[in-house]
Amino acid sequence: MNQDKAVSAVLLAGMVVFLNSCTGPKVIPLLDADPDQNIKLDYNERMLMVTHPLLGDKPLRIDCMEAYCKKGSTHRRWENTIVPQQNDVISKSPHEIKVKTSLATGVEVMHRFAVVADEILFESTFTNPTDKPVDVEWMQPCIRVSDFTGLGQDEYIRKCFIFTQKGLTRLNETNRTIKAIYRGGQVYVPAGIDRDDVNPRPLSPDLPANKLIGCFSADGKALLATAWTDVQELFQGVIVCIHADPRIAGLAPHQTKKIWGKLYIIPNDINELLRRYHRDFEAKLRN
């Protein structure tokens, strides 16, 4: 693990120097490109399935979306936080799927899942047609990684990572707690997010340095990672899963709001992951 820490520090330092020295053309997110024909999508009963050459014979399964959540969730039972949902497939092809979600609060969500080049794009457009503000603070896309990591619930955290002030940090090396309404898992809350409005599972004191959470494959040759335009939390769950849970931050009367995220499945190259993440989520800070 000491080698991991040394590599992480070098990578983070190098990336900071790189970002601060860039003076080239304006960088824009990759939101449209011809799909890699070897990557395919399917969807059934909330479960998005991704077939990819780096995943082997078993598709990656993502619960889209596991839950839509209200504020005040940290110290409240889960059934009092989640908003009931109904999902209807609007269109489906191997490279693009559109799903309409109707929330019990009256909010409608149009989801688009698409293969863009060799990446998976998530787009979610929320519309509040009512005359009242709606409390929908965040949602949960749940990425199941047992097949990818080759490990079970008690071991897979050593294959998972976030970025902290130390650089790339495997989850078994983070500061972990156990006290919460529900035991198990670990919640990593970004700076600026109210810690009373996240998952009611143990909260780590460690602050994420960016919006990425990911894991390494069983053979160490590949990685997958995910991020969104804004996140309420990064979460290591209790069914061998990882989350970058998108922040919605509520909806005013008649408001429409669009958010988007990415899933990267690439060879094990942290510099390349950070390059893609910067292009999609941080370049706007400099442009």
C-alpha atoms as a PDB file:
ATOM      1  CA  MET A   1       0.000   0.000   0.000  1.00  0.00           C
ATOM      2  CA  ASN A   2       2.967   2.362   0.498  1.00  0.00           C
ATOM      3  CA  GLN A   3       3.630   2.048  -3.238  1.00  0.00           C
ATOM      4  CA  ASP A   4       0.009   3.051  -3.957  1.00  0.00           C
ATOM      5  CA  LYS A   5       0.432   6.166  -1.812  1.00  0.00           C
ATOM      6  CA  ALA A   6       3.670   7.155  -3.531  1.00  0.00           C
ATOM      7  CA  VAL A   7       2.161   6.670  -6.978  1.00  0.00           C
ATOM      8  CA  SER A   8      -0.965   8.621  -5.960  1.00  0.00           C
ATOM      9  CA  ALA A   9       1.090  11.566  -4.693  1.00  0.00           C
ATOM     10  CA  VAL A  10       3.133  11.708  -7.889  1.00  0.00           C
ATOM     11  CA  LEU A  11       0.036  11.469 -10.085  1.00  0.00           C
ATOM     12  CA  LEU A  12      -1.818  14.163  -8.169  1.00  0.00           C
ATOM     13  CA  ALA A  13       1.138  16.507  -8.150  1.00  0.00           C
ATOM     14  CA  GLY A  14       1.720  15.946 -11.843  1.00  0.00           C
ATOM     15  CA  MET A  15      -1.909  16.574 -12.677  1.00  0.00           C
ATOM     16  CA  VAL A  16      -1.942  19.843 -10.697  1.00  0.00           C
ATOM     17  CA  VAL A  17       1.118  21.061 -12.596  1.00  0.00           C
ATOM     18  CA  PHE A  18      -0.446  19.971 -15.881  1.00  0.00           C
ATOM     19  CA  LEU A  19      -3.751  21.727 -15.222  1.00  0.00           C
ATOM     20  CA  ASN A  20      -2.109  24.934 -14.065  1.00  0.00           C
ATOM     21  CA  SER A  21       0.157  25.083 -17.107  1.00  0.00           C
ATOM     22  CA  CYS A  22      -2.416  24.372 -19.832  1.00  0.00           C
ATOM     23  CA  THR A  23      -2.709  27.271 -22.279  1.00  0.00           C
ATOM     24  CA  GLY A  24      -4.094  25.394 -25.290  1.00  0.00           C
ATOM     25  CA  PRO A  25      -7.524  25.515 -26.925  1.00  0.00           C
ATOM     26  CA  LYS A  26     -10.680  25.655 -24.859  1.00  0.00           C
ATOM     27  CA  VAL A  27     -11.523  22.245 -23.393  1.00  0.00           C
ATOM     28  CA  ILE A  28     -15.136  21.129 -23.562  1.00  0.00           C
ATOM     29  CA  PRO A  29     -16.875  18.020 -22.186  1.00  0.00           C
ATOM     30  CA  LEU A  30     -17.289  15.041 -24.503  1.00  0.00           C
ATOM     31  CA  LEU A  31     -21.071  14.780 -24.748  1.00  0.00           C
ATOM     32  CA  ASP A  32     -21.522  13.640 -28.342  1.00  0.00           C
ATOM     33  CA  ALA A  33     -19.499  11.215 -30.457  1.00  0.00           C
ATOM     34  CA  ASP A  34     -20.033   8.079 -32.503  1.00  0.00           C
ATOM     35  CA  PRO A  35     -20.388   5.075 -30.193  1.00  0.00           C
ATOM     36  CA  ASP A  36     -17.817   2.343 -29.909  1.00  0.00           C
ATOM     37  CA  GLN A  37     -19.646  -0.552 -31.578  1.00  0.00           C
ATOM     38  CA  ASN A  38     -18.184  -3.017 -29.054  1.00  0.00           C
ATOM     39  CA  ILE A  39     -19.967  -1.286 -26.159  1.00  0.00           C
ATOM     40  CA  LYS A  40     -23.676  -1.940 -25.775  1.00  0.00           C
ATOM     41  CA  LEU A  41     -26.497  -1.033 -23.388  1.00  0.00           C
ATOM     42  CA  ASP A  42     -29.631  -2.786 -22.228  1.00  0.00           C
ATOM     43  CA  TYR A  43     -32.268  -1.860 -19.639  1.00  0.00           C
ATOM     44  CA  ASN A  44     -34.885  -3.785 -17.702  1.00  0.00           C
ATOM     45  CA  GLU A  45     -36.825  -2.825 -14.583  1.00  0.00           C
ATOM     46  CA  ARG A  46     -34.505   0.000 -13.508  1.00  0.00           C
ATOM     47  CA  MET A  47     -31.341  -1.990 -14.223  1.00  0.00           C
ATOM     48  CA  LEU A  48     -29.016  -0.551 -16.856  1.00  0.00           C
ATOM     49  CA  MET A  49     -26.636  -3.208 -18.200  1.00  0.00           C
ATOM     50  CA  VAL A  50     -23.365  -2.306 -19.905  1.00  0.00           C
ATOM     51  CA  THR A  51     -21.484  -4.745 -22.139  1.00  0.00           C
ATOM     52  CA  HIS A  52     -17.857  -3.744 -22.702  1.00  0.00           C
ATOM     53  CA  PRO A  53     -14.695  -5.583 -23.857  1.00  0.00           C
ATOM     54  CA  LEU A  54     -12.942  -4.740 -20.566  1.00  0.00           C
ATOM     55  CA  LEU A  55     -15.762  -6.271 -18.521  1.00  0.00           C
ATOM     56  CA  GLY A  56     -15.359  -9.822 -19.764  1.00  0.00           C
ATOM     57  CA  ASP A  57     -18.402 -12.038 -20.222  1.00  0.00           C
ATOM     58  CA  LYS A  58     -20.608 -10.446 -17.568  1.00  0.00           C
ATOM     59  CA  PRO A  59     -22.267  -7.043 -18.068  1.00  0.00           C
ATOM     60  CA  LEU A  60     -21.936  -4.259 -15.533  1.00  0.00           C
ATOM     61  CA  ARG A  61     -25.261  -3.672 -13.777  1.00  0.00           C
ATOM     62  CA  ILE A  62     -26.333  -0.211 -12.624  1.00  0.00           C
ATOM     63  CA  ASP A  63     -29.570   0.461 -10.761  1.00  0.00           C
ATOM     64  CA  CYS A  64     -30.791   3.648 -12.489  1.00  0.00           C
ATOM     65  CA  MET A  65     -32.091   4.991 -10.228  1.00  0.00           C
ATOM     66  CA  GLU A  66     -32.103   3.126  -6.940  1.00  0.00           C
ATOM     67  CA  ALA A  67     -33.668   6.055  -5.084  1.00  0.00           C
ATOM     68  CA  TYR A  68     -34.668   9.720  -5.182  1.00  0.00           C
ATOM     69  CA  CYS A  69     -34.053  11.321  -1.810  1.00  0.00           C
ATOM     70  CA  LYS A  70     -35.291  14.236   0.292  1.00  0.00           C
ATOM     71  CA  LYS A  71     -33.318  16.519   2.587  1.00  0.00           C
ATOM     72  CA  GLY A  72     -32.722  15.631   6.225  1.00  0.00           C
ATOM     73  CA  SER A  73     -31.865  12.043   5.331  1.00  0.00           C
ATOM     74  CA  THR A  74     -28.791  11.361   7.489  1.00  0.00           C
ATOM     75  CA  HIS A  75     -30.624  10.854  10.779  1.00  0.00           C
ATOM     76  CA  ARG A  76     -33.919   9.496   9.457  1.00  0.00           C
ATOM     77  CA  ARG A  77     -35.106   6.062   8.480  1.00  0.00           C
ATOM     78  CA  TRP A  78     -34.732   5.348   4.789  1.00  0.00           C
ATOM     79  CA  GLU A  79     -38.425   4.786   4.066  1.00  0.00           C
ATOM     80  CA  ASN A  80     -39.101   8.378   5.141  1.00  0.00           C
ATOM     81  CA  THR A  81     -36.464   9.750   2.748  1.00  0.00           C
ATOM     82  CA  ILE A  82     -37.097   8.044  -0.585  1.00  0.00           C
ATOM     83  CA  VAL A  83     -39.664   9.324  -3.087  1.00  0.00           C
ATOM     84  CA  PRO A  84     -41.782   6.654  -4.848  1.00  0.00           C
ATOM     85  CA  GLN A  85     -41.038   6.346  -8.566  1.00  0.00           C
ATOM     86  CA  GLN A  86     -42.498   4.826 -11.703  1.00  0.00           C
ATOM     87  CA  ASN A  87     -40.330   4.166 -14.768  1.00  0.00           C
ATOM     88  CA  ASP A  88     -41.311   3.795 -18.420  1.00  0.00           C
ATOM     89  CA  VAL A  89     -38.966   3.040 -21.308  1.00  0.00           C
ATOM     90  CA  ILE A  90     -39.449   5.602 -24.077  1.00  0.00           C
ATOM     91  CA  SER A  91     -36.927   4.166 -26.542  1.00  0.00           C
ATOM     92  CA  LYS A  92     -34.182   1.574 -26.515  1.00  0.00           C
ATOM     93  CA  SER A  93     -31.305   0.698 -28.828  1.00  0.00           C
ATOM     94  CA  PRO A  94     -27.884  -0.887 -28.198  1.00  0.00           C
ATOM     95  CA  HIS A  95     -26.280   2.551 -27.869  1.00  0.00           C
ATOM     96  CA  GLU A  96     -29.021   4.801 -26.453  1.00  0.00           C
ATOM     97  CA  ILE A  97     -31.838   4.288 -23.982  1.00  0.00           C
ATOM     98  CA  LYS A  98     -34.403   6.845 -22.856  1.00  0.00           C
ATOM     99  CA  VAL A  99     -36.469   6.342 -19.711  1.00  0.00           C
ATOM    100  CA  LYS A 100     -39.174   8.553 -18.218  1.00  0.00           C
ATOM    101  CA  THR A 101     -39.451   8.532 -14.422  1.00  0.00           C
ATOM    102  CA  SER A 102     -42.535   9.915 -12.694  1.00  0.00           C
ATOM    103  CA  LEU A 103     -42.049  10.794  -9.035  1.00  0.00           C
ATOM    104  CA  ALA A 104     -44.883  10.763  -6.515  1.00  0.00           C
ATOM    105  CA  THR A 105     -44.235  14.481  -5.902  1.00  0.00           C
ATOM    106  CA  GLY A 106     -45.319  15.288  -9.468  1.00  0.00           C
ATOM    107  CA  VAL A 107     -41.792  15.738 -10.803  1.00  0.00           C
ATOM    108  CA  GLU A 108     -40.960  14.125 -14.142  1.00  0.00           C
ATOM    109  CA  VAL A 109     -37.438  13.007 -15.055  1.00  0.00           C
ATOM    110  CA  MET A 110     -36.222  12.195 -18.557  1.00  0.00           C
ATOM    111  CA  HIS A 111     -33.136   9.986 -18.443  1.00  0.00           C
ATOM    112  CA  ARG A 112     -30.876   9.357 -21.412  1.00  0.00           C
ATOM    113  CA  PHE A 113     -28.192   6.689 -21.225  1.00  0.00           C
ATOM    114  CA  ALA A 114     -25.860   6.699 -24.229  1.00  0.00           C
ATOM    115  CA  VAL A 115     -22.570   5.298 -25.489  1.00  0.00           C
ATOM    116  CA  VAL A 116     -20.420   8.289 -26.415  1.00  0.00           C
ATOM    117  CA  ALA A 117     -17.159   7.155 -28.000  1.00  0.00           C
ATOM    118  CA  ASP A 118     -15.915   4.593 -25.435  1.00  0.00           C
ATOM    119  CA  GLU A 119     -17.717   6.141 -22.445  1.00  0.00           C
ATOM    120  CA  ILE A 120     -21.226   5.976 -20.996  1.00  0.00           C
ATOM    121  CA  LEU A 121     -23.102   9.264 -20.687  1.00  0.00           C
ATOM    122  CA  PHE A 122     -25.963   9.776 -18.223  1.00  0.00           C
ATOM    123  CA  GLU A 123     -28.280  12.752 -18.781  1.00  0.00           C
ATOM    124  CA  SER A 124     -31.176  13.530 -16.433  1.00  0.00           C
ATOM    125  CA  THR A 125     -33.632  16.368 -16.999  1.00  0.00           C
ATOM    126  CA  PHE A 126     -35.934  17.176 -14.071  1.00  0.00           C
ATOM    127  CA  THR A 127     -39.167  19.114 -14.571  1.00  0.00           C
ATOM    128  CA  ASN A 128     -41.431  20.357 -11.795  1.00  0.00           C
ATOM    129  CA  PRO A 129     -44.803  21.162 -13.414  1.00  0.00           C
ATOM    130  CA  THR A 130     -46.416  22.031 -10.089  1.00  0.00           C
ATOM    131  CA  ASP A 131     -46.983  25.382  -8.396  1.00  0.00           C
ATOM    132  CA  LYS A 132     -44.993  24.314  -5.330  1.00  0.00           C
ATOM    133  CA  PRO A 133     -41.285  23.742  -4.639  1.00  0.00           C
ATOM    134  CA  VAL A 134     -40.344  20.054  -4.512  1.00  0.00           C
ATOM    135  CA  ASP A 135     -37.879  18.500  -2.104  1.00  0.00           C
ATOM    136  CA  VAL A 136     -35.752  16.153  -4.212  1.00  0.00           C
ATOM    137  CA  GLU A 137     -32.185  16.713  -3.057  1.00  0.00           C
ATOM    138  CA  TRP A 138     -30.256  13.855  -4.647  1.00  0.00           C
ATOM    139  CA  MET A 139     -30.578  10.486  -6.416  1.00  0.00           C
ATOM    140  CA  GLN A 140     -28.740   7.186  -6.370  1.00  0.00           C
ATOM    141  CA  PRO A 141     -27.313   5.366  -9.395  1.00  0.00           C
ATOM    142  CA  CYS A 142     -25.976   2.154  -7.826  1.00  0.00           C
ATOM    143  CA  ILE A 143     -23.079   0.474  -9.685  1.00  0.00           C
ATOM    144  CA  ARG A 144     -22.687  -3.215  -8.803  1.00  0.00           C
ATOM    145  CA  VAL A 145     -19.000  -4.161  -8.942  1.00  0.00           C
ATOM    146  CA  SER A 146     -18.712  -7.692  -7.518  1.00  0.00           C
ATOM    147  CA  ASP A 147     -17.995  -9.282 -10.903  1.00  0.00           C
ATOM    148  CA  PHE A 148     -15.583  -6.518 -11.903  1.00  0.00           C
ATOM    149  CA  THR A 149     -13.521  -6.575  -8.704  1.00  0.00           C
ATOM    150  CA  GLY A 150     -13.860 -10.316  -8.168  1.00  0.00           C
ATOM    151  CA  LEU A 151     -14.431  -9.699  -4.458  1.00  0.00           C
ATOM    152  CA  GLY A 152     -17.265  -9.845  -1.941  1.00  0.00           C
ATOM    153  CA  GLN A 153     -18.680  -7.284   0.473  1.00  0.00           C
ATOM    154  CA  ASP A 154     -15.983  -7.692   3.121  1.00  0.00           C
ATOM    155  CA  GLU A 155     -13.009  -7.403   0.755  1.00  0.00           C
ATOM    156  CA  TYR A 156     -13.887  -5.232  -2.237  1.00  0.00           C
ATOM    157  CA  ILE A 157     -13.088  -1.882  -0.596  1.00  0.00           C
ATOM    158  CA  ARG A 158      -9.377  -2.569  -1.113  1.00  0.00           C
ATOM    159  CA  LYS A 159     -10.072  -2.457  -4.863  1.00  0.00           C
ATOM    160  CA  CYS A 160     -12.095   0.783  -4.638  1.00  0.00           C
ATOM    161  CA  PHE A 161     -10.801   4.353  -4.529  1.00  0.00           C
ATOM    162  CA  ILE A 162     -11.614   8.018  -4.258  1.00  0.00           C
ATOM    163  CA  PHE A 163      -9.297  11.029  -4.399  1.00  0.00           C
ATOM    164  CA  THR A 164      -8.472  12.878  -1.180  1.00  0.00           C
ATOM    165  CA  GLN A 165      -5.832  15.440  -0.234  1.00  0.00           C
ATOM    166  CA  LYS A 166      -3.403  12.479  -0.309  1.00  0.00           C
ATOM    167  CA  GLY A 167      -4.219  11.714  -3.948  1.00  0.00           C
ATOM    168  CA  LEU A 168      -5.681   8.385  -5.017  1.00  0.00           C
ATOM    169  CA  THR A 169      -6.840   6.706  -1.809  1.00  0.00           C
ATOM    170  CA  ARG A 170      -8.124   3.155  -1.596  1.00  0.00           C
ATOM    171  CA  LEU A 171     -11.226   2.958   0.554  1.00  0.00           C
ATOM    172  CA  ASN A 172      -9.651   0.601   3.077  1.00  0.00           C
ATOM    173  CA  GLU A 173      -7.059   3.358   3.683  1.00  0.00           C
ATOM    174  CA  THR A 174      -9.627   6.080   4.422  1.00  0.00           C
ATOM    175  CA  ASN A 175     -10.706   7.062   7.920  1.00  0.00           C
ATOM    176  CA  ARG A 176     -13.824   4.984   8.481  1.00  0.00           C
ATOM    177  CA  THR A 177     -16.544   5.152  11.127  1.00  0.00           C
ATOM    178  CA  ILE A 178     -19.269   2.735  12.186  1.00  0.00           C
ATOM    179  CA  LYS A 179     -21.892   4.800  14.040  1.00  0.00           C
ATOM    180  CA  ALA A 180     -25.080   5.537  12.072  1.00  0.00           C
ATOM    181  CA  ILE A 181     -28.757   4.636  11.843  1.00  0.00           C
ATOM    182  CA  TYR A 182     -27.740   1.803   9.512  1.00  0.00           C
ATOM    183  CA  ARG A 183     -24.424  -0.023   9.907  1.00  0.00           C
ATOM    184  CA  GLY A 184     -22.177  -0.953   7.004  1.00  0.00           C
ATOM    185  CA  GLY A 185     -20.821   0.985   4.049  1.00  0.00           C
ATOM    186  CA  GLN A 186     -19.176   4.399   4.175  1.00  0.00           C
ATOM    187  CA  VAL A 187     -20.255   7.873   3.044  1.00  0.00           C
ATOM    188  CA  TYR A 188     -17.743  10.467   1.803  1.00  0.00           C
ATOM    189  CA  VAL A 189     -19.294  13.942   1.824  1.00  0.00           C
ATOM    190  CA  PRO A 190     -17.811  16.697  -0.370  1.00  0.00           C
ATOM    191  CA  ALA A 191     -17.036  20.106   1.090  1.00  0.00           C
ATOM    192  CA  GLY A 192     -20.065  22.389   0.990  1.00  0.00           C
ATOM    193  CA  ILE A 193     -22.652  19.610   1.273  1.00  0.00           C
ATOM    194  CA  ASP A 194     -24.792  19.549   4.427  1.00  0.00           C
ATOM    195  CA  ARG A 195     -23.842  16.367   6.295  1.00  0.00           C
ATOM    196  CA  ASP A 196     -27.450  16.125   7.523  1.00  0.00           C
ATOM    197  CA  ASP A 197     -28.611  15.514   3.915  1.00  0.00           C
ATOM    198  CA  VAL A 198     -26.802  12.309   2.938  1.00  0.00           C
ATOM    199  CA  ASN A 199     -27.056   8.544   3.280  1.00  0.00           C
ATOM    200  CA  PRO A 200     -27.946   7.358   6.814  1.00  0.00           C
ATOM    201  CA  ARG A 201     -24.864   5.146   6.970  1.00  0.00           C
ATOM    202  CA  PRO A 202     -21.469   5.813   8.593  1.00  0.00           C
ATOM    203  CA  LEU A 203     -19.874   9.110   7.541  1.00  0.00           C
ATOM    204  CA  SER A 204     -16.129   9.264   6.967  1.00  0.00           C
ATOM    205  CA  PRO A 205     -14.360  12.447   8.100  1.00  0.00           C
ATOM    206  CA  ASP A 206     -12.311  12.344   4.881  1.00  0.00           C
ATOM    207  CA  LEU A 207     -13.296  14.924   2.251  1.00  0.00           C
ATOM    208  CA  PRO A 208     -13.247  13.933  -1.426  1.00  0.00           C
ATOM    209  CA  ALA A 209     -10.893  16.080  -3.511  1.00  0.00           C
ATOM    210  CA  ASN A 210     -13.021  15.593  -6.645  1.00  0.00           C
ATOM    211  CA  LYS A 211     -16.246  13.896  -7.765  1.00  0.00           C
ATOM    212  CA  LEU A 212     -14.729  10.560  -8.821  1.00  0.00           C
ATOM    213  CA  ILE A 213     -15.207   7.156  -7.253  1.00  0.00           C
ATOM    214  CA  GLY A 214     -13.963   3.985  -8.892  1.00  0.00           C
ATOM    215  CA  CYS A 215     -12.469   0.531  -8.582  1.00  0.00           C
ATOM    216  CA  PHE A 216      -9.869  -1.729 -10.168  1.00  0.00           C
ATOM    217  CA  SER A 217     -10.627  -4.983 -11.966  1.00  0.00           C
ATOM    218  CA  ALA A 218      -9.884  -8.365 -10.432  1.00  0.00           C
ATOM    219  CA  ASP A 219      -6.770  -8.767 -12.603  1.00  0.00           C
ATOM    220  CA  GLY A 220      -5.658  -5.158 -12.096  1.00  0.00           C
ATOM    221  CA  LYS A 221      -5.609  -4.454 -15.837  1.00  0.00           C
ATOM    222  CA  ALA A 222      -8.669  -2.190 -15.999  1.00  0.00           C
ATOM    223  CA  LEU A 223     -10.557   0.352 -13.931  1.00  0.00           C
ATOM    224  CA  LEU A 224     -14.004   1.846 -13.885  1.00  0.00           C
ATOM    225  CA  ALA A 225     -14.942   5.179 -12.382  1.00  0.00           C
ATOM    226  CA  THR A 226     -17.899   7.527 -12.354  1.00  0.00           C
ATOM    227  CA  ALA A 227     -18.634  11.208 -11.700  1.00  0.00           C
ATOM    228  CA  TRP A 228     -21.465  13.722 -12.154  1.00  0.00           C
ATOM    229  CA  THR A 229     -21.702  17.469 -12.632  1.00  0.00           C
ATOM    230  CA  ASP A 230     -22.347  17.781  -8.897  1.00  0.00           C
ATOM    231  CA  VAL A 231     -22.465  15.084  -6.227  1.00  0.00           C
ATOM    232  CA  GLN A 232     -24.217  14.890  -2.875  1.00  0.00           C
ATOM    233  CA  GLU A 233     -21.950  12.081  -1.718  1.00  0.00           C
ATOM    234  CA  LEU A 234     -19.534   9.387  -2.770  1.00  0.00           C
ATOM    235  CA  PHE A 235     -20.723   6.139  -1.248  1.00  0.00           C
ATOM    236  CA  GLN A 236     -19.410   2.632  -0.737  1.00  0.00           C
ATOM    237  CA  GLY A 237     -22.525   0.560  -0.276  1.00  0.00           C
ATOM    238  CA  VAL A 238     -23.597  -2.721   1.228  1.00  0.00           C
ATOM    239  CA  ILE A 239     -24.230  -4.819  -1.898  1.00  0.00           C
ATOM    240  CA  VAL A 240     -20.705  -4.628  -3.373  1.00  0.00           C
ATOM    241  CA  CYS A 241     -21.501  -1.321  -5.028  1.00  0.00           C
ATOM    242  CA  ILE A 242     -20.144   2.181  -5.495  1.00  0.00           C
ATOM    243  CA  HIS A 243     -22.024   5.452  -5.929  1.00  0.00           C
ATOM    244  CA  ALA A 244     -21.331   8.971  -7.090  1.00  0.00           C
ATOM    245  CA  ASP A 245     -24.775  10.190  -6.077  1.00  0.00           C
ATOM    246  CA  PRO A 246     -25.841  13.243  -8.110  1.00  0.00           C
ATOM    247  CA  ARG A 247     -27.010  16.402  -6.394  1.00  0.00           C
ATOM    248  CA  ILE A 248     -30.317  17.836  -7.589  1.00  0.00           C
ATOM    249  CA  ALA A 249     -30.774  20.483  -4.869  1.00  0.00           C
ATOM    250  CA  GLY A 250     -34.544  20.709  -5.130  1.00  0.00           C
ATOM    251  CA  LEU A 251     -36.831  22.209  -7.745  1.00  0.00           C
ATOM    252  CA  ALA A 252     -38.666  25.522  -7.667  1.00  0.00           C
ATOM    253  CA  PRO A 253     -42.222  25.735  -9.065  1.00  0.00           C
ATOM    254  CA  HIS A 254     -42.193  25.089 -12.850  1.00  0.00           C
ATOM    255  CA  GLN A 255     -38.402  24.730 -12.846  1.00  0.00           C
ATOM    256  CA  THR A 256     -36.480  22.482 -15.259  1.00  0.00           C
ATOM    257  CA  LYS A 257     -32.988  21.359 -14.349  1.00  0.00           C
ATOM    258  CA  LYS A 258     -30.518  19.169 -16.263  1.00  0.00           C
ATOM    259  CA  ILE A 259     -27.592  17.249 -14.787  1.00  0.00           C
ATOM    260  CA  TRP A 260     -25.272  14.698 -16.334  1.00  0.00           C
ATOM    261  CA  GLY A 261     -22.624  12.152 -15.463  1.00  0.00           C
ATOM    262  CA  LYS A 262     -20.081   9.800 -16.977  1.00  0.00           C
ATOM    263  CA  LEU A 263     -18.959   6.213 -16.529  1.00  0.00           C
ATOM    264  CA  TYR A 264     -15.396   5.502 -17.621  1.00  0.00           C
ATOM    265  CA  ILE A 265     -14.260   1.911 -18.257  1.00  0.00           C
ATOM    266  CA  ILE A 266     -10.648   2.028 -19.370  1.00  0.00           C
ATOM    267  CA  PRO A 267      -7.295   0.255 -19.022  1.00  0.00           C
ATOM    268  CA  ASN A 268      -5.683   0.831 -15.626  1.00  0.00           C
ATOM    269  CA  ASP A 269      -4.213   4.273 -16.278  1.00  0.00           C
ATOM    270  CA  ILE A 270      -4.924   6.873 -13.595  1.00  0.00           C
ATOM    271  CA  ASN A 271      -3.416   9.707 -15.630  1.00  0.00           C
ATOM    272  CA  GLU A 272      -5.845   8.921 -18.458  1.00  0.00           C
ATOM    273  CA  LEU A 273      -8.773   8.782 -16.025  1.00  0.00           C
ATOM    274  CA  LEU A 274      -7.867  12.186 -14.618  1.00  0.00           C
ATOM    275  CA  ARG A 275      -7.437  13.620 -18.135  1.00  0.00           C
ATOM    276  CA  ARG A 276     -10.961  12.526 -19.057  1.00  0.00           C
ATOM    277  CA  TYR A 277     -12.411  13.718 -15.761  1.00  0.00           C
ATOM    278  CA  HIS A 278     -10.761  17.129 -16.150  1.00  0.00           C
ATOM    279  CA  ARG A 279     -12.074  17.462 -19.709  1.00  0.00           C
ATOM    280  CA  ASP A 280     -15.632  16.643 -18.671  1.00  0.00           C
ATOM    281  CA  PHE A 281     -16.014  18.183 -15.213  1.00  0.00           C
ATOM    282  CA  GLU A 282     -13.259  20.639 -14.339  1.00  0.00           C
ATOM    283  CA  ALA A 283     -12.169  22.384 -17.530  1.00  0.00           C
ATOM    284  CA  LYS A 284     -15.058  24.847 -17.144  1.00  0.00           C
ATOM    285  CA  LEU A 285     -13.296  26.233 -14.081  1.00  0.00           C
ATOM    286  CA  ARG A 286     -10.517  27.535 -16.343  1.00  0.00           C
ATOM    287  CA  ASN A 287     -12.358  28.262 -19.588  1.00  0.00           C
END
